[in-house]
Amino acid sequence: TSGFTFSWYAMHWYRQAPGKERELVGTVFTVGT
């Protein structure tokens, strides 16, 4: 990542399979949970 203060924000992983909607895989919060 670049262009923002990374440690301030939760980060997310999503995925999208063919023909399906994008879905949330998981989140890591600022403190690591």
Full PDB file with SEQRES, HELIX, SHEET, SSBOND, CRYST1, ORIGX, SCALE, CONECT and MASTER records, all heavy atoms in Angstrom:
SEQRES   1 A   33  THR SER GLY PHE THR PHE SER TRP TYR ALA MET HIS TRP          
SEQRES   2 A   33  TYR ARG GLN ALA PRO GLY LYS GLU ARG GLU LEU VAL GLY          
SEQRES   3 A   33  THR VAL PHE THR VAL GLY THR                                  
HELIX    1 AA1 PHE A    6  TRP A    8  5                                   3    
SHEET    1 AA1 2 MET A  11  ARG A  15  0                                        
SHEET    2 AA1 2 GLU A  23  VAL A  28 -1                                        
CRYST1    1.000    1.000    1.000  90.00  90.00  90.00 P 1           1          
ORIGX1      1.000000  0.000000  0.000000        0.00000                         
ORIGX2      0.000000  1.000000  0.000000        0.00000                         
ORIGX3      0.000000  0.000000  1.000000        0.00000                         
SCALE1      1.000000  0.000000  0.000000        0.00000                         
SCALE2      0.000000  1.000000  0.000000        0.00000                         
SCALE3      0.000000  0.000000  1.000000        0.00000                         
ATOM      1  N   THR A   1       0.822  -1.208   0.000  1.00  0.00           N  
ATOM      2  CA  THR A   1       0.000   0.000   0.000  1.00  0.00           C  
ATOM      3  C   THR A   1       0.858   1.261   0.000  1.00  0.00           C  
ATOM      4  O   THR A   1       2.034   1.232   0.403  1.00  0.00           O  
ATOM      5  CB  THR A   1      -0.926   0.033   1.218  1.00  0.00           C  
ATOM      6  OG1 THR A   1      -0.164   0.329   2.397  1.00  0.00           O  
ATOM      7  CG2 THR A   1      -1.666  -1.283   1.411  1.00  0.00           C  
ATOM      8  N   SER A   2       0.266   2.350  -0.426  1.00  0.00           N  
ATOM      9  CA  SER A   2       0.908   3.654  -0.355  1.00  0.00           C  
ATOM     10  C   SER A   2      -0.157   4.731  -0.470  1.00  0.00           C  
ATOM     11  O   SER A   2      -1.297   4.450  -0.854  1.00  0.00           O  
ATOM     12  CB  SER A   2       1.952   3.818  -1.462  1.00  0.00           C  
ATOM     13  OG  SER A   2       1.349   3.759  -2.726  1.00  0.00           O  
ATOM     14  N   GLY A   3       0.201   5.951  -0.085  1.00  0.00           N  
ATOM     15  CA  GLY A   3      -0.696   7.078  -0.280  1.00  0.00           C  
ATOM     16  C   GLY A   3      -1.617   7.384   0.883  1.00  0.00           C  
ATOM     17  O   GLY A   3      -2.456   8.292   0.779  1.00  0.00           O  
ATOM     18  N   PHE A   4      -1.462   6.646   1.975  1.00  0.00           N  
ATOM     19  CA  PHE A   4      -2.267   6.935   3.160  1.00  0.00           C  
ATOM     20  C   PHE A   4      -1.527   6.396   4.390  1.00  0.00           C  
ATOM     21  O   PHE A   4      -0.551   5.645   4.261  1.00  0.00           O  
ATOM     22  CB  PHE A   4      -3.665   6.321   3.051  1.00  0.00           C  
ATOM     23  CG  PHE A   4      -3.700   4.812   3.004  1.00  0.00           C  
ATOM     24  CD1 PHE A   4      -4.085   4.070   4.109  1.00  0.00           C  
ATOM     25  CD2 PHE A   4      -3.362   4.126   1.838  1.00  0.00           C  
ATOM     26  CE1 PHE A   4      -4.127   2.682   4.062  1.00  0.00           C  
ATOM     27  CE2 PHE A   4      -3.391   2.742   1.783  1.00  0.00           C  
ATOM     28  CZ  PHE A   4      -3.776   2.017   2.901  1.00  0.00           C  
ATOM     29  N   THR A   5      -1.989   6.816   5.556  1.00  0.00           N  
ATOM     30  CA  THR A   5      -1.350   6.375   6.794  1.00  0.00           C  
ATOM     31  C   THR A   5      -1.891   4.997   7.149  1.00  0.00           C  
ATOM     32  O   THR A   5      -2.931   4.861   7.796  1.00  0.00           O  
ATOM     33  CB  THR A   5      -1.609   7.382   7.928  1.00  0.00           C  
ATOM     34  OG1 THR A   5      -1.207   8.687   7.505  1.00  0.00           O  
ATOM     35  CG2 THR A   5      -0.798   6.996   9.171  1.00  0.00           C  
ATOM     36  N   PHE A   6      -1.164   4.009   6.736  1.00  0.00           N  
ATOM     37  CA  PHE A   6      -1.622   2.618   6.794  1.00  0.00           C  
ATOM     38  C   PHE A   6      -2.091   2.209   8.190  1.00  0.00           C  
ATOM     39  O   PHE A   6      -3.137   1.556   8.339  1.00  0.00           O  
ATOM     40  CB  PHE A   6      -0.482   1.711   6.334  1.00  0.00           C  
ATOM     41  CG  PHE A   6      -0.788   0.248   6.356  1.00  0.00           C  
ATOM     42  CD1 PHE A   6      -1.486  -0.345   5.326  1.00  0.00           C  
ATOM     43  CD2 PHE A   6      -0.346  -0.546   7.415  1.00  0.00           C  
ATOM     44  CE1 PHE A   6      -1.757  -1.714   5.334  1.00  0.00           C  
ATOM     45  CE2 PHE A   6      -0.619  -1.903   7.437  1.00  0.00           C  
ATOM     46  CZ  PHE A   6      -1.327  -2.488   6.391  1.00  0.00           C  
ATOM     47  N   SER A   7      -1.354   2.585   9.203  1.00  0.00           N  
ATOM     48  CA  SER A   7      -1.636   2.105  10.558  1.00  0.00           C  
ATOM     49  C   SER A   7      -2.949   2.634  11.110  1.00  0.00           C  
ATOM     50  O   SER A   7      -3.428   2.137  12.131  1.00  0.00           O  
ATOM     51  CB  SER A   7      -0.484   2.481  11.495  1.00  0.00           C  
ATOM     52  OG  SER A   7      -0.337   3.882  11.550  1.00  0.00           O  
ATOM     53  N   TRP A   8      -3.547   3.612  10.445  1.00  0.00           N  
ATOM     54  CA  TRP A   8      -4.793   4.198  10.934  1.00  0.00           C  
ATOM     55  C   TRP A   8      -6.033   3.437  10.468  1.00  0.00           C  
ATOM     56  O   TRP A   8      -7.128   3.715  10.963  1.00  0.00           O  
ATOM     57  CB  TRP A   8      -4.927   5.642  10.468  1.00  0.00           C  
ATOM     58  CG  TRP A   8      -3.980   6.599  11.090  1.00  0.00           C  
ATOM     59  CD1 TRP A   8      -2.968   6.349  11.979  1.00  0.00           C  
ATOM     60  CD2 TRP A   8      -3.943   8.015  10.844  1.00  0.00           C  
ATOM     61  NE1 TRP A   8      -2.314   7.507  12.306  1.00  0.00           N  
ATOM     62  CE2 TRP A   8      -2.893   8.550  11.625  1.00  0.00           C  
ATOM     63  CE3 TRP A   8      -4.698   8.880  10.046  1.00  0.00           C  
ATOM     64  CZ2 TRP A   8      -2.585   9.907  11.628  1.00  0.00           C  
ATOM     65  CZ3 TRP A   8      -4.393  10.233  10.056  1.00  0.00           C  
ATOM     66  CH2 TRP A   8      -3.343  10.734  10.842  1.00  0.00           C  
ATOM     67  N   TYR A   9      -5.890   2.522   9.528  1.00  0.00           N  
ATOM     68  CA  TYR A   9      -7.052   1.961   8.857  1.00  0.00           C  
ATOM     69  C   TYR A   9      -7.123   0.442   8.947  1.00  0.00           C  
ATOM     70  O   TYR A   9      -6.096  -0.253   8.840  1.00  0.00           O  
ATOM     71  CB  TYR A   9      -7.040   2.352   7.376  1.00  0.00           C  
ATOM     72  CG  TYR A   9      -7.183   3.823   7.152  1.00  0.00           C  
ATOM     73  CD1 TYR A   9      -6.067   4.651   7.108  1.00  0.00           C  
ATOM     74  CD2 TYR A   9      -8.442   4.396   7.002  1.00  0.00           C  
ATOM     75  CE1 TYR A   9      -6.195   6.013   6.934  1.00  0.00           C  
ATOM     76  CE2 TYR A   9      -8.579   5.758   6.816  1.00  0.00           C  
ATOM     77  CZ  TYR A   9      -7.459   6.561   6.792  1.00  0.00           C  
ATOM     78  OH  TYR A   9      -7.599   7.910   6.612  1.00  0.00           O  
ATOM     79  N   ALA A  10      -8.354  -0.044   9.127  1.00  0.00           N  
ATOM     80  CA  ALA A  10      -8.584  -1.473   8.943  1.00  0.00           C  
ATOM     81  C   ALA A  10      -8.386  -1.810   7.464  1.00  0.00           C  
ATOM     82  O   ALA A  10      -8.668  -0.988   6.584  1.00  0.00           O  
ATOM     83  CB  ALA A  10     -10.003  -1.836   9.375  1.00  0.00           C  
ATOM     84  N   MET A  11      -7.892  -2.997   7.218  1.00  0.00           N  
ATOM     85  CA  MET A  11      -7.674  -3.465   5.852  1.00  0.00           C  
ATOM     86  C   MET A  11      -8.503  -4.730   5.621  1.00  0.00           C  
ATOM     87  O   MET A  11      -8.677  -5.547   6.539  1.00  0.00           O  
ATOM     88  CB  MET A  11      -6.193  -3.778   5.620  1.00  0.00           C  
ATOM     89  CG  MET A  11      -5.267  -2.580   5.749  1.00  0.00           C  
ATOM     90  SD  MET A  11      -5.583  -1.313   4.504  1.00  0.00           S  
ATOM     91  CE  MET A  11      -5.295  -2.222   2.985  1.00  0.00           C  
ATOM     92  N   HIS A  12      -8.967  -4.867   4.398  1.00  0.00           N  
ATOM     93  CA  HIS A  12      -9.877  -5.966   4.077  1.00  0.00           C  
ATOM     94  C   HIS A  12      -9.382  -6.747   2.867  1.00  0.00           C  
ATOM     95  O   HIS A  12      -8.758  -6.168   1.967  1.00  0.00           O  
ATOM     96  CB  HIS A  12     -11.273  -5.409   3.753  1.00  0.00           C  
ATOM     97  CG  HIS A  12     -11.742  -4.365   4.713  1.00  0.00           C  
ATOM     98  ND1 HIS A  12     -12.278  -4.659   5.941  1.00  0.00           N  
ATOM     99  CD2 HIS A  12     -11.726  -3.013   4.621  1.00  0.00           C  
ATOM    100  CE1 HIS A  12     -12.595  -3.532   6.551  1.00  0.00           C  
ATOM    101  NE2 HIS A  12     -12.257  -2.517   5.777  1.00  0.00           N  
ATOM    102  N   TRP A  13      -9.700  -8.035   2.872  1.00  0.00           N  
ATOM    103  CA  TRP A  13      -9.533  -8.868   1.684  1.00  0.00           C  
ATOM    104  C   TRP A  13     -10.921  -9.292   1.211  1.00  0.00           C  
ATOM    105  O   TRP A  13     -11.743  -9.764   2.022  1.00  0.00           O  
ATOM    106  CB  TRP A  13      -8.705 -10.115   1.976  1.00  0.00           C  
ATOM    107  CG  TRP A  13      -7.236  -9.887   2.028  1.00  0.00           C  
ATOM    108  CD1 TRP A  13      -6.465  -9.734   3.150  1.00  0.00           C  
ATOM    109  CD2 TRP A  13      -6.336  -9.805   0.909  1.00  0.00           C  
ATOM    110  NE1 TRP A  13      -5.152  -9.556   2.793  1.00  0.00           N  
ATOM    111  CE2 TRP A  13      -5.047  -9.600   1.428  1.00  0.00           C  
ATOM    112  CE3 TRP A  13      -6.493  -9.887  -0.472  1.00  0.00           C  
ATOM    113  CZ2 TRP A  13      -3.914  -9.471   0.610  1.00  0.00           C  
ATOM    114  CZ3 TRP A  13      -5.381  -9.764  -1.272  1.00  0.00           C  
ATOM    115  CH2 TRP A  13      -4.117  -9.555  -0.739  1.00  0.00           C  
ATOM    116  N   TYR A  14     -11.157  -9.114  -0.080  1.00  0.00           N  
ATOM    117  CA  TYR A  14     -12.378  -9.572  -0.725  1.00  0.00           C  
ATOM    118  C   TYR A  14     -11.993 -10.564  -1.821  1.00  0.00           C  
ATOM    119  O   TYR A  14     -10.843 -10.630  -2.245  1.00  0.00           O  
ATOM    120  CB  TYR A  14     -13.123  -8.401  -1.378  1.00  0.00           C  
ATOM    121  CG  TYR A  14     -13.876  -7.513  -0.442  1.00  0.00           C  
ATOM    122  CD1 TYR A  14     -13.231  -6.549   0.311  1.00  0.00           C  
ATOM    123  CD2 TYR A  14     -15.265  -7.601  -0.331  1.00  0.00           C  
ATOM    124  CE1 TYR A  14     -13.938  -5.706   1.172  1.00  0.00           C  
ATOM    125  CE2 TYR A  14     -15.981  -6.769   0.516  1.00  0.00           C  
ATOM    126  CZ  TYR A  14     -15.308  -5.825   1.260  1.00  0.00           C  
ATOM    127  OH  TYR A  14     -16.009  -5.006   2.097  1.00  0.00           O  
ATOM    128  N   ARG A  15     -12.992 -11.274  -2.294  1.00  0.00           N  
ATOM    129  CA  ARG A  15     -12.783 -12.123  -3.472  1.00  0.00           C  
ATOM    130  C   ARG A  15     -14.048 -12.135  -4.315  1.00  0.00           C  
ATOM    131  O   ARG A  15     -15.151 -11.907  -3.811  1.00  0.00           O  
ATOM    132  CB  ARG A  15     -12.396 -13.545  -3.066  1.00  0.00           C  
ATOM    133  CG  ARG A  15     -13.475 -14.345  -2.353  1.00  0.00           C  
ATOM    134  CD  ARG A  15     -12.921 -15.698  -1.906  1.00  0.00           C  
ATOM    135  NE  ARG A  15     -13.932 -16.504  -1.236  1.00  0.00           N  
ATOM    136  CZ  ARG A  15     -13.690 -17.674  -0.673  1.00  0.00           C  
ATOM    137  NH1 ARG A  15     -12.453 -18.194  -0.698  1.00  0.00           N  
ATOM    138  NH2 ARG A  15     -14.655 -18.351  -0.084  1.00  0.00           N  
ATOM    139  N   GLN A  16     -13.833 -12.399  -5.599  1.00  0.00           N  
ATOM    140  CA  GLN A  16     -14.955 -12.471  -6.528  1.00  0.00           C  
ATOM    141  C   GLN A  16     -14.732 -13.635  -7.475  1.00  0.00           C  
ATOM    142  O   GLN A  16     -13.763 -13.639  -8.245  1.00  0.00           O  
ATOM    143  CB  GLN A  16     -15.120 -11.171  -7.297  1.00  0.00           C  
ATOM    144  CG  GLN A  16     -16.373 -11.133  -8.144  1.00  0.00           C  
ATOM    145  CD  GLN A  16     -16.705  -9.737  -8.633  1.00  0.00           C  
ATOM    146  OE1 GLN A  16     -15.855  -8.853  -8.680  1.00  0.00           O  
ATOM    147  NE2 GLN A  16     -17.961  -9.530  -8.991  1.00  0.00           N  
ATOM    148  N   ALA A  17     -15.632 -14.593  -7.371  1.00  0.00           N  
ATOM    149  CA  ALA A  17     -15.592 -15.751  -8.261  1.00  0.00           C  
ATOM    150  C   ALA A  17     -16.399 -15.444  -9.514  1.00  0.00           C  
ATOM    151  O   ALA A  17     -17.294 -14.582  -9.488  1.00  0.00           O  
ATOM    152  CB  ALA A  17     -16.153 -16.979  -7.546  1.00  0.00           C  
ATOM    153  N   PRO A  18     -16.119 -16.142 -10.609  1.00  0.00           N  
ATOM    154  CA  PRO A  18     -16.867 -15.891 -11.847  1.00  0.00           C  
ATOM    155  C   PRO A  18     -18.370 -16.033 -11.643  1.00  0.00           C  
ATOM    156  O   PRO A  18     -18.840 -17.019 -11.074  1.00  0.00           O  
ATOM    157  CB  PRO A  18     -16.331 -16.974 -12.789  1.00  0.00           C  
ATOM    158  CG  PRO A  18     -14.981 -17.295 -12.265  1.00  0.00           C  
ATOM    159  CD  PRO A  18     -15.069 -17.160 -10.785  1.00  0.00           C  
ATOM    160  N   GLY A  19     -19.104 -15.024 -12.072  1.00  0.00           N  
ATOM    161  CA  GLY A  19     -20.560 -15.077 -11.981  1.00  0.00           C  
ATOM    162  C   GLY A  19     -21.121 -14.822 -10.604  1.00  0.00           C  
ATOM    163  O   GLY A  19     -22.333 -14.944 -10.402  1.00  0.00           O  
ATOM    164  N   LYS A  20     -20.258 -14.477  -9.670  1.00  0.00           N  
ATOM    165  CA  LYS A  20     -20.728 -14.246  -8.298  1.00  0.00           C  
ATOM    166  C   LYS A  20     -20.377 -12.830  -7.853  1.00  0.00           C  
ATOM    167  O   LYS A  20     -19.519 -12.171  -8.434  1.00  0.00           O  
ATOM    168  CB  LYS A  20     -20.107 -15.266  -7.342  1.00  0.00           C  
ATOM    169  CG  LYS A  20     -20.539 -16.695  -7.597  1.00  0.00           C  
ATOM    170  CD  LYS A  20     -20.057 -17.611  -6.491  1.00  0.00           C  
ATOM    171  CE  LYS A  20     -20.571 -19.026  -6.685  1.00  0.00           C  
ATOM    172  NZ  LYS A  20     -20.112 -19.924  -5.594  1.00  0.00           N  
ATOM    173  N   GLU A  21     -21.039 -12.398  -6.803  1.00  0.00           N  
ATOM    174  CA  GLU A  21     -20.757 -11.077  -6.255  1.00  0.00           C  
ATOM    175  C   GLU A  21     -19.457 -11.115  -5.437  1.00  0.00           C  
ATOM    176  O   GLU A  21     -19.061 -12.157  -4.924  1.00  0.00           O  
ATOM    177  CB  GLU A  21     -21.918 -10.621  -5.369  1.00  0.00           C  
ATOM    178  CG  GLU A  21     -23.198 -10.352  -6.151  1.00  0.00           C  
ATOM    179  CD  GLU A  21     -24.256  -9.668  -5.288  1.00  0.00           C  
ATOM    180  OE1 GLU A  21     -24.021  -9.468  -4.089  1.00  0.00           O  
ATOM    181  OE2 GLU A  21     -25.323  -9.328  -5.845  1.00  0.00           O  
ATOM    182  N   ARG A  22     -18.868  -9.953  -5.335  1.00  0.00           N  
ATOM    183  CA  ARG A  22     -17.667  -9.836  -4.512  1.00  0.00           C  
ATOM    184  C   ARG A  22     -18.058 -10.062  -3.059  1.00  0.00           C  
ATOM    185  O   ARG A  22     -19.072  -9.535  -2.581  1.00  0.00           O  
ATOM    186  CB  ARG A  22     -17.052  -8.442  -4.694  1.00  0.00           C  
ATOM    187  CG  ARG A  22     -15.646  -8.307  -4.195  1.00  0.00           C  
ATOM    188  CD  ARG A  22     -15.018  -6.996  -4.658  1.00  0.00           C  
ATOM    189  NE  ARG A  22     -14.846  -6.954  -6.111  1.00  0.00           N  
ATOM    190  CZ  ARG A  22     -14.150  -6.017  -6.728  1.00  0.00           C  
ATOM    191  NH1 ARG A  22     -13.554  -5.039  -6.037  1.00  0.00           N  
ATOM    192  NH2 ARG A  22     -14.055  -6.028  -8.046  1.00  0.00           N  
ATOM    193  N   GLU A  23     -17.247 -10.848  -2.344  1.00  0.00           N  
ATOM    194  CA  GLU A  23     -17.559 -11.153  -0.954  1.00  0.00           C  
ATOM    195  C   GLU A  23     -16.359 -10.849  -0.063  1.00  0.00           C  
ATOM    196  O   GLU A  23     -15.204 -10.981  -0.482  1.00  0.00           O  
ATOM    197  CB  GLU A  23     -17.966 -12.626  -0.787  1.00  0.00           C  
ATOM    198  CG  GLU A  23     -16.884 -13.626  -1.113  1.00  0.00           C  
ATOM    199  CD  GLU A  23     -17.280 -15.053  -0.758  1.00  0.00           C  
ATOM    200  OE1 GLU A  23     -18.351 -15.270  -0.143  1.00  0.00           O  
ATOM    201  OE2 GLU A  23     -16.500 -15.966  -1.072  1.00  0.00           O  
ATOM    202  N   LEU A  24     -16.666 -10.475   1.168  1.00  0.00           N  
ATOM    203  CA  LEU A  24     -15.625 -10.176   2.134  1.00  0.00           C  
ATOM    204  C   LEU A  24     -15.023 -11.468   2.656  1.00  0.00           C  
ATOM    205  O   LEU A  24     -15.740 -12.339   3.162  1.00  0.00           O  
ATOM    206  CB  LEU A  24     -16.213  -9.359   3.291  1.00  0.00           C  
ATOM    207  CG  LEU A  24     -15.257  -8.987   4.419  1.00  0.00           C  
ATOM    208  CD1 LEU A  24     -14.146  -8.068   3.920  1.00  0.00           C  
ATOM    209  CD2 LEU A  24     -16.030  -8.325   5.558  1.00  0.00           C  
ATOM    210  N   VAL A  25     -13.707 -11.582   2.548  1.00  0.00           N  
ATOM    211  CA  VAL A  25     -12.989 -12.738   3.075  1.00  0.00           C  
ATOM    212  C   VAL A  25     -12.597 -12.498   4.529  1.00  0.00           C  
ATOM    213  O   VAL A  25     -12.761 -13.373   5.382  1.00  0.00           O  
ATOM    214  CB  VAL A  25     -11.730 -13.030   2.239  1.00  0.00           C  
ATOM    215  CG1 VAL A  25     -10.918 -14.169   2.864  1.00  0.00           C  
ATOM    216  CG2 VAL A  25     -12.106 -13.364   0.812  1.00  0.00           C  
ATOM    217  N   GLY A  26     -12.091 -11.318   4.810  1.00  0.00           N  
ATOM    218  CA  GLY A  26     -11.693 -11.028   6.173  1.00  0.00           C  
ATOM    219  C   GLY A  26     -11.155  -9.628   6.329  1.00  0.00           C  
ATOM    220  O   GLY A  26     -10.924  -8.914   5.344  1.00  0.00           O  
ATOM    221  N   THR A  27     -10.975  -9.243   7.575  1.00  0.00           N  
ATOM    222  CA  THR A  27     -10.532  -7.907   7.952  1.00  0.00           C  
ATOM    223  C   THR A  27      -9.448  -8.005   9.018  1.00  0.00           C  
ATOM    224  O   THR A  27      -9.551  -8.849   9.926  1.00  0.00           O  
ATOM    225  CB  THR A  27     -11.713  -7.099   8.515  1.00  0.00           C  
ATOM    226  OG1 THR A  27     -12.696  -6.939   7.495  1.00  0.00           O  
ATOM    227  CG2 THR A  27     -11.263  -5.735   9.021  1.00  0.00           C  
ATOM    228  N   VAL A  28      -8.455  -7.151   8.896  1.00  0.00           N  
ATOM    229  CA  VAL A  28      -7.486  -6.998   9.983  1.00  0.00           C  
ATOM    230  C   VAL A  28      -7.563  -5.551  10.448  1.00  0.00           C  
ATOM    231  O   VAL A  28      -7.440  -4.615   9.650  1.00  0.00           O  
ATOM    232  CB  VAL A  28      -6.058  -7.395   9.554  1.00  0.00           C  
ATOM    233  CG1 VAL A  28      -5.550  -6.611   8.352  1.00  0.00           C  
ATOM    234  CG2 VAL A  28      -5.092  -7.274  10.727  1.00  0.00           C  
ATOM    235  N   PHE A  29      -7.834  -5.381  11.728  1.00  0.00           N  
ATOM    236  CA  PHE A  29      -8.019  -4.063  12.295  1.00  0.00           C  
ATOM    237  C   PHE A  29      -6.663  -3.451  12.651  1.00  0.00           C  
ATOM    238  O   PHE A  29      -5.623  -4.100  12.564  1.00  0.00           O  
ATOM    239  CB  PHE A  29      -8.959  -4.151  13.498  1.00  0.00           C  
ATOM    240  CG  PHE A  29     -10.337  -4.606  13.122  1.00  0.00           C  
ATOM    241  CD1 PHE A  29     -10.701  -5.943  13.206  1.00  0.00           C  
ATOM    242  CD2 PHE A  29     -11.273  -3.700  12.646  1.00  0.00           C  
ATOM    243  CE1 PHE A  29     -11.963  -6.369  12.837  1.00  0.00           C  
ATOM    244  CE2 PHE A  29     -12.543  -4.117  12.274  1.00  0.00           C  
ATOM    245  CZ  PHE A  29     -12.887  -5.453  12.360  1.00  0.00           C  
ATOM    246  N   THR A  30      -6.702  -2.186  13.055  1.00  0.00           N  
ATOM    247  CA  THR A  30      -5.461  -1.440  13.244  1.00  0.00           C  
ATOM    248  C   THR A  30      -4.549  -2.081  14.287  1.00  0.00           C  
ATOM    249  O   THR A  30      -3.324  -1.994  14.170  1.00  0.00           O  
ATOM    250  CB  THR A  30      -5.751   0.003  13.634  1.00  0.00           C  
ATOM    251  OG1 THR A  30      -6.582   0.010  14.799  1.00  0.00           O  
ATOM    252  CG2 THR A  30      -6.474   0.743  12.507  1.00  0.00           C  
ATOM    253  N   VAL A  31      -5.151  -2.718  15.289  1.00  0.00           N  
ATOM    254  CA  VAL A  31      -4.335  -3.313  16.358  1.00  0.00           C  
ATOM    255  C   VAL A  31      -3.966  -4.765  16.064  1.00  0.00           C  
ATOM    256  O   VAL A  31      -3.328  -5.422  16.883  1.00  0.00           O  
ATOM    257  CB  VAL A  31      -5.044  -3.215  17.724  1.00  0.00           C  
ATOM    258  CG1 VAL A  31      -5.185  -1.753  18.124  1.00  0.00           C  
ATOM    259  CG2 VAL A  31      -6.400  -3.904  17.691  1.00  0.00           C  
ATOM    260  N   GLY A  32      -4.402  -5.256  14.907  1.00  0.00           N  
ATOM    261  CA  GLY A  32      -4.023  -6.601  14.498  1.00  0.00           C  
ATOM    262  C   GLY A  32      -5.070  -7.675  14.707  1.00  0.00           C  
ATOM    263  O   GLY A  32      -4.874  -8.813  14.272  1.00  0.00           O  
ATOM    264  N   THR A  33      -6.154  -7.338  15.378  1.00  0.00           N  
ATOM    265  CA  THR A  33      -7.220  -8.329  15.515  1.00  0.00           C  
ATOM    266  C   THR A  33      -7.883  -8.554  14.163  1.00  0.00           C  
ATOM    267  O   THR A  33      -7.865  -7.669  13.291  1.00  0.00           O  
ATOM    268  CB  THR A  33      -8.267  -7.871  16.538  1.00  0.00           C  
ATOM    269  OG1 THR A  33      -8.722  -6.563  16.176  1.00  0.00           O  
ATOM    270  CG2 THR A  33      -7.672  -7.833  17.934  1.00  0.00           C  
TER     271      THR A  33                                                      
MASTER        0    0    0    1    2    0    0    6  270    1    0    3          
END                                                                             
